[in-house]
N, C-alpha and C. Protein backbone atom coordinates (compact mmCIF):
# COMPACT_ATOMS: atom_id res chain seq x y z
N MET A 1 15.70 2.87 20.44
CA MET A 1 15.78 1.57 21.06
C MET A 1 16.36 0.59 20.06
N SER A 2 17.45 -0.04 20.43
CA SER A 2 18.04 -1.03 19.54
C SER A 2 17.57 -2.42 19.95
N LEU A 3 17.41 -3.25 18.96
CA LEU A 3 16.98 -4.62 19.21
C LEU A 3 18.15 -5.45 19.69
N GLN A 4 17.86 -6.38 20.56
CA GLN A 4 18.84 -7.36 21.00
C GLN A 4 18.21 -8.73 20.94
N CYS A 5 19.02 -9.70 20.61
CA CYS A 5 18.54 -11.07 20.56
C CYS A 5 18.17 -11.53 21.98
N PRO A 6 16.98 -12.11 22.16
CA PRO A 6 16.60 -12.58 23.49
C PRO A 6 17.39 -13.82 23.93
N LEU A 7 18.06 -14.48 22.98
CA LEU A 7 18.80 -15.70 23.31
C LEU A 7 20.25 -15.40 23.68
N CYS A 8 20.93 -14.58 22.84
CA CYS A 8 22.36 -14.34 23.08
C CYS A 8 22.68 -12.87 23.37
N SER A 9 21.69 -11.99 23.36
CA SER A 9 21.83 -10.56 23.63
C SER A 9 22.69 -9.82 22.62
N SER A 10 22.83 -10.35 21.45
CA SER A 10 23.59 -9.69 20.40
C SER A 10 22.77 -8.55 19.80
N PRO A 11 23.41 -7.41 19.51
CA PRO A 11 22.68 -6.30 18.88
C PRO A 11 22.61 -6.42 17.35
N LYS A 12 23.21 -7.44 16.80
CA LYS A 12 23.22 -7.61 15.34
C LYS A 12 21.95 -8.35 14.91
N ILE A 13 20.94 -7.57 14.57
CA ILE A 13 19.63 -8.11 14.24
C ILE A 13 19.24 -7.65 12.83
N ALA A 14 18.75 -8.58 12.04
CA ALA A 14 18.21 -8.26 10.72
C ALA A 14 16.70 -8.40 10.79
N SER A 15 16.01 -7.37 10.35
CA SER A 15 14.54 -7.43 10.33
C SER A 15 14.08 -7.77 8.93
N LEU A 16 13.52 -8.95 8.77
CA LEU A 16 13.00 -9.37 7.49
C LEU A 16 11.62 -8.75 7.33
N ARG A 17 11.35 -8.12 6.23
CA ARG A 17 10.09 -7.39 6.06
C ARG A 17 9.21 -8.03 4.98
N THR A 18 9.01 -9.31 5.11
CA THR A 18 8.24 -10.05 4.11
C THR A 18 6.79 -9.59 4.06
N ALA A 19 6.11 -9.55 5.19
CA ALA A 19 4.70 -9.17 5.21
C ALA A 19 4.52 -7.72 4.81
N MET A 20 5.47 -6.85 5.15
CA MET A 20 5.35 -5.45 4.77
C MET A 20 5.41 -5.30 3.26
N LYS A 21 6.32 -6.01 2.62
CA LYS A 21 6.44 -5.93 1.16
C LYS A 21 5.19 -6.48 0.47
N ILE A 22 4.71 -7.61 0.95
CA ILE A 22 3.51 -8.20 0.36
C ILE A 22 2.29 -7.32 0.62
N GLY A 23 2.16 -6.81 1.84
CA GLY A 23 1.04 -5.94 2.18
C GLY A 23 1.05 -4.66 1.36
N ALA A 24 2.23 -4.10 1.13
CA ALA A 24 2.32 -2.88 0.33
C ALA A 24 1.93 -3.15 -1.11
N ALA A 25 2.37 -4.26 -1.66
CA ALA A 25 2.05 -4.58 -3.05
C ALA A 25 0.55 -4.86 -3.24
N VAL A 26 -0.01 -5.65 -2.33
CA VAL A 26 -1.44 -5.96 -2.42
C VAL A 26 -2.28 -4.71 -2.18
N GLY A 27 -1.88 -3.91 -1.20
CA GLY A 27 -2.60 -2.67 -0.93
C GLY A 27 -2.54 -1.69 -2.08
N ALA A 28 -1.37 -1.59 -2.72
CA ALA A 28 -1.24 -0.69 -3.87
C ALA A 28 -2.11 -1.15 -5.03
N ALA A 29 -2.11 -2.43 -5.30
CA ALA A 29 -2.93 -2.95 -6.41
C ALA A 29 -4.42 -2.76 -6.12
N GLY A 30 -4.83 -3.10 -4.92
CA GLY A 30 -6.24 -2.94 -4.56
C GLY A 30 -6.66 -1.49 -4.51
N GLY A 31 -5.81 -0.64 -3.96
CA GLY A 31 -6.12 0.78 -3.90
C GLY A 31 -6.19 1.42 -5.27
N ALA A 32 -5.29 1.02 -6.17
CA ALA A 32 -5.30 1.57 -7.52
C ALA A 32 -6.56 1.14 -8.27
N ALA A 33 -6.93 -0.12 -8.11
CA ALA A 33 -8.15 -0.59 -8.78
C ALA A 33 -9.38 0.11 -8.23
N ARG A 34 -9.45 0.26 -6.92
CA ARG A 34 -10.59 0.93 -6.31
C ARG A 34 -10.62 2.41 -6.69
N GLY A 35 -9.46 3.07 -6.67
CA GLY A 35 -9.41 4.48 -7.03
C GLY A 35 -9.81 4.73 -8.47
N ALA A 36 -9.35 3.89 -9.38
CA ALA A 36 -9.71 4.03 -10.79
C ALA A 36 -11.20 3.74 -10.99
N SER A 37 -11.73 2.76 -10.28
CA SER A 37 -13.14 2.42 -10.40
C SER A 37 -14.03 3.57 -9.93
N VAL A 38 -13.68 4.15 -8.80
CA VAL A 38 -14.45 5.28 -8.27
C VAL A 38 -14.34 6.47 -9.21
N ALA A 39 -13.15 6.71 -9.75
CA ALA A 39 -12.96 7.83 -10.67
C ALA A 39 -13.76 7.63 -11.95
N LEU A 40 -13.80 6.42 -12.47
CA LEU A 40 -14.57 6.16 -13.68
C LEU A 40 -16.07 6.31 -13.43
N THR A 41 -16.52 5.87 -12.28
CA THR A 41 -17.94 6.04 -11.94
C THR A 41 -18.29 7.51 -11.83
N GLY A 42 -17.43 8.26 -11.19
CA GLY A 42 -17.66 9.70 -11.06
C GLY A 42 -17.59 10.42 -12.38
N SER A 43 -16.72 9.96 -13.27
CA SER A 43 -16.60 10.64 -14.57
C SER A 43 -17.82 10.39 -15.45
N GLN A 44 -18.47 9.25 -15.28
CA GLN A 44 -19.70 9.00 -16.04
C GLN A 44 -20.80 9.98 -15.62
N VAL A 45 -20.88 10.25 -14.35
CA VAL A 45 -21.85 11.24 -13.87
C VAL A 45 -21.46 12.63 -14.35
N GLY A 46 -20.16 12.94 -14.28
CA GLY A 46 -19.68 14.25 -14.71
C GLY A 46 -19.86 14.49 -16.19
N ALA A 47 -19.80 13.43 -16.98
CA ALA A 47 -19.96 13.58 -18.44
C ALA A 47 -21.40 13.91 -18.80
N ALA A 48 -22.32 13.57 -17.93
CA ALA A 48 -23.73 13.80 -18.23
C ALA A 48 -24.16 15.24 -17.97
N VAL A 49 -23.42 15.98 -17.18
CA VAL A 49 -23.81 17.37 -16.88
C VAL A 49 -23.39 18.28 -18.01
N ALA A 50 -23.88 19.50 -17.99
CA ALA A 50 -23.67 20.45 -19.09
C ALA A 50 -22.19 20.81 -19.28
N VAL A 51 -21.41 20.84 -18.21
CA VAL A 51 -19.99 21.20 -18.34
C VAL A 51 -19.26 20.15 -19.16
N GLY A 52 -19.54 18.88 -18.91
CA GLY A 52 -18.90 17.81 -19.67
C GLY A 52 -19.33 17.81 -21.12
N LEU A 53 -20.59 18.10 -21.35
CA LEU A 53 -21.10 18.11 -22.72
C LEU A 53 -20.60 19.31 -23.50
N ALA A 54 -20.33 20.44 -22.81
CA ALA A 54 -19.84 21.64 -23.49
C ALA A 54 -18.45 21.44 -24.06
N ALA A 55 -17.65 20.59 -23.46
CA ALA A 55 -16.28 20.36 -23.94
C ALA A 55 -16.26 19.43 -25.14
N GLY A 56 -17.32 18.76 -25.38
CA GLY A 56 -17.38 17.86 -26.52
C GLY A 56 -16.86 16.48 -26.18
N PRO A 57 -16.90 15.58 -27.17
CA PRO A 57 -16.49 14.20 -26.91
C PRO A 57 -15.01 14.06 -26.54
N ILE A 58 -14.18 14.91 -27.10
CA ILE A 58 -12.75 14.83 -26.78
C ILE A 58 -12.53 15.23 -25.32
N GLY A 59 -13.20 16.27 -24.88
CA GLY A 59 -13.08 16.71 -23.49
C GLY A 59 -13.59 15.66 -22.52
N ILE A 60 -14.69 15.02 -22.89
CA ILE A 60 -15.24 13.97 -22.03
C ILE A 60 -14.26 12.80 -21.94
N THR A 61 -13.70 12.40 -23.07
CA THR A 61 -12.77 11.27 -23.10
C THR A 61 -11.50 11.58 -22.31
N LEU A 62 -10.91 12.76 -22.55
CA LEU A 62 -9.69 13.13 -21.83
C LEU A 62 -9.95 13.27 -20.33
N GLY A 63 -11.09 13.84 -19.98
CA GLY A 63 -11.42 13.96 -18.57
C GLY A 63 -11.61 12.62 -17.89
N THR A 64 -12.22 11.69 -18.61
CA THR A 64 -12.44 10.35 -18.06
C THR A 64 -11.11 9.63 -17.85
N VAL A 65 -10.23 9.69 -18.83
CA VAL A 65 -8.94 9.01 -18.73
C VAL A 65 -8.08 9.65 -17.64
N ALA A 66 -8.04 10.99 -17.62
CA ALA A 66 -7.24 11.68 -16.60
C ALA A 66 -7.77 11.38 -15.20
N GLY A 67 -9.09 11.37 -15.04
CA GLY A 67 -9.68 11.06 -13.75
C GLY A 67 -9.37 9.64 -13.30
N ALA A 68 -9.41 8.70 -14.24
CA ALA A 68 -9.09 7.31 -13.89
C ALA A 68 -7.63 7.16 -13.48
N ILE A 69 -6.74 7.85 -14.19
CA ILE A 69 -5.31 7.76 -13.86
C ILE A 69 -5.03 8.38 -12.50
N LEU A 70 -5.55 9.59 -12.28
CA LEU A 70 -5.32 10.25 -11.00
C LEU A 70 -5.97 9.49 -9.84
N GLY A 71 -7.17 8.97 -10.08
CA GLY A 71 -7.83 8.17 -9.04
C GLY A 71 -7.05 6.91 -8.73
N GLY A 72 -6.51 6.28 -9.76
CA GLY A 72 -5.69 5.08 -9.55
C GLY A 72 -4.42 5.38 -8.78
N LEU A 73 -3.78 6.50 -9.11
CA LEU A 73 -2.55 6.88 -8.40
C LEU A 73 -2.83 7.19 -6.93
N ALA A 74 -3.87 7.97 -6.69
CA ALA A 74 -4.21 8.32 -5.30
C ALA A 74 -4.63 7.08 -4.51
N GLY A 75 -5.45 6.25 -5.10
CA GLY A 75 -5.87 5.02 -4.43
C GLY A 75 -4.71 4.07 -4.19
N GLY A 76 -3.82 3.98 -5.17
CA GLY A 76 -2.65 3.10 -5.03
C GLY A 76 -1.72 3.56 -3.92
N ALA A 77 -1.51 4.87 -3.82
CA ALA A 77 -0.63 5.39 -2.77
C ALA A 77 -1.24 5.13 -1.39
N GLY A 78 -2.53 5.38 -1.25
CA GLY A 78 -3.19 5.13 0.03
C GLY A 78 -3.21 3.66 0.39
N GLY A 79 -3.50 2.82 -0.58
CA GLY A 79 -3.52 1.37 -0.33
C GLY A 79 -2.15 0.83 0.00
N CYS A 80 -1.13 1.36 -0.65
CA CYS A 80 0.25 0.93 -0.38
C CYS A 80 0.64 1.29 1.05
N ALA A 81 0.33 2.51 1.47
CA ALA A 81 0.67 2.94 2.83
C ALA A 81 -0.05 2.10 3.88
N LEU A 82 -1.33 1.86 3.66
CA LEU A 82 -2.10 1.08 4.61
C LEU A 82 -1.61 -0.37 4.66
N GLY A 83 -1.36 -0.96 3.49
CA GLY A 83 -0.86 -2.33 3.44
C GLY A 83 0.51 -2.47 4.08
N ALA A 84 1.37 -1.47 3.89
CA ALA A 84 2.71 -1.50 4.49
C ALA A 84 2.63 -1.41 6.01
N GLN A 85 1.72 -0.59 6.53
CA GLN A 85 1.57 -0.48 7.99
C GLN A 85 1.06 -1.79 8.59
N LEU A 86 0.09 -2.39 7.94
CA LEU A 86 -0.43 -3.66 8.43
C LEU A 86 0.65 -4.74 8.36
N GLY A 87 1.38 -4.79 7.25
CA GLY A 87 2.45 -5.77 7.11
C GLY A 87 3.56 -5.57 8.13
N GLU A 88 3.87 -4.31 8.45
CA GLU A 88 4.91 -4.05 9.44
C GLU A 88 4.49 -4.57 10.82
N LYS A 89 3.22 -4.38 11.17
CA LYS A 89 2.73 -4.90 12.46
C LYS A 89 2.79 -6.42 12.48
N LEU A 90 2.43 -7.06 11.37
CA LEU A 90 2.53 -8.52 11.31
C LEU A 90 3.97 -8.98 11.43
N ASP A 91 4.87 -8.30 10.73
CA ASP A 91 6.28 -8.67 10.80
C ASP A 91 6.84 -8.53 12.21
N ARG A 92 6.49 -7.46 12.87
CA ARG A 92 7.09 -7.17 14.18
C ARG A 92 6.55 -8.07 15.29
N HIS A 93 5.25 -8.37 15.25
CA HIS A 93 4.65 -9.01 16.42
C HIS A 93 4.12 -10.42 16.19
N VAL A 94 4.01 -10.87 14.95
CA VAL A 94 3.38 -12.16 14.71
C VAL A 94 4.32 -13.15 14.02
N LEU A 95 5.02 -12.74 12.99
CA LEU A 95 5.68 -13.69 12.10
C LEU A 95 7.12 -14.06 12.45
N SER A 96 7.63 -13.61 13.55
CA SER A 96 9.02 -13.91 13.94
C SER A 96 10.00 -13.56 12.83
N ASN A 97 9.93 -12.35 12.34
CA ASN A 97 10.77 -11.93 11.23
C ASN A 97 11.99 -11.13 11.65
N ASN A 98 12.41 -11.28 12.90
CA ASN A 98 13.67 -10.69 13.34
C ASN A 98 14.67 -11.83 13.48
N LEU A 99 15.82 -11.66 12.86
CA LEU A 99 16.82 -12.72 12.80
C LEU A 99 18.11 -12.24 13.44
N CYS A 100 18.61 -12.99 14.42
CA CYS A 100 19.90 -12.68 15.03
C CYS A 100 21.00 -13.14 14.07
N LEU A 101 21.89 -12.25 13.73
CA LEU A 101 22.96 -12.58 12.80
C LEU A 101 24.10 -13.34 13.48
N GLU A 102 24.10 -13.39 14.80
CA GLU A 102 25.13 -14.11 15.55
C GLU A 102 24.77 -15.58 15.75
N CYS A 103 23.58 -15.83 16.30
CA CYS A 103 23.21 -17.21 16.65
C CYS A 103 22.14 -17.80 15.74
N GLY A 104 21.52 -16.99 14.87
CA GLY A 104 20.52 -17.50 13.94
C GLY A 104 19.14 -17.65 14.53
N HIS A 105 18.92 -17.16 15.74
CA HIS A 105 17.62 -17.27 16.40
C HIS A 105 16.64 -16.30 15.74
N ARG A 106 15.42 -16.81 15.46
CA ARG A 106 14.35 -15.95 14.91
C ARG A 106 13.37 -15.66 16.03
N PHE A 107 12.94 -14.40 16.11
CA PHE A 107 12.04 -14.00 17.18
C PHE A 107 11.17 -12.84 16.72
N ASN A 108 10.09 -12.61 17.47
CA ASN A 108 9.27 -11.44 17.24
C ASN A 108 9.38 -10.52 18.42
N LEU A 109 8.91 -9.30 18.26
CA LEU A 109 8.97 -8.34 19.35
C LEU A 109 7.80 -8.57 20.29
N PRO A 110 8.01 -8.32 21.57
CA PRO A 110 6.89 -8.46 22.49
C PRO A 110 5.83 -7.40 22.22
N VAL A 111 4.60 -7.76 22.51
CA VAL A 111 3.48 -6.83 22.28
C VAL A 111 3.48 -5.77 23.28
């Protein structure tokens, strides 16, 4: 389905994705922080068990750092995807972020 301007019926439409970009960035930052926080909390519990203690302090430290990094990456990816989806819905249906390149009319898509 191609977009057409509701005013002049031109097919030359630019979709501005402001909310999607902001939502993706905020979601990625929040998801990374949450993922790293959960990973650090879990690593503290894991360090207390016999497996963590058997590896010694270096193993505990490396495991904690690796867990925080991987948790941050996984959380960031999930948060970015969720934020981008929410931002796309806002762009399409709320913020009038479709711009006709012929007449300059800004519009949103019908719900």
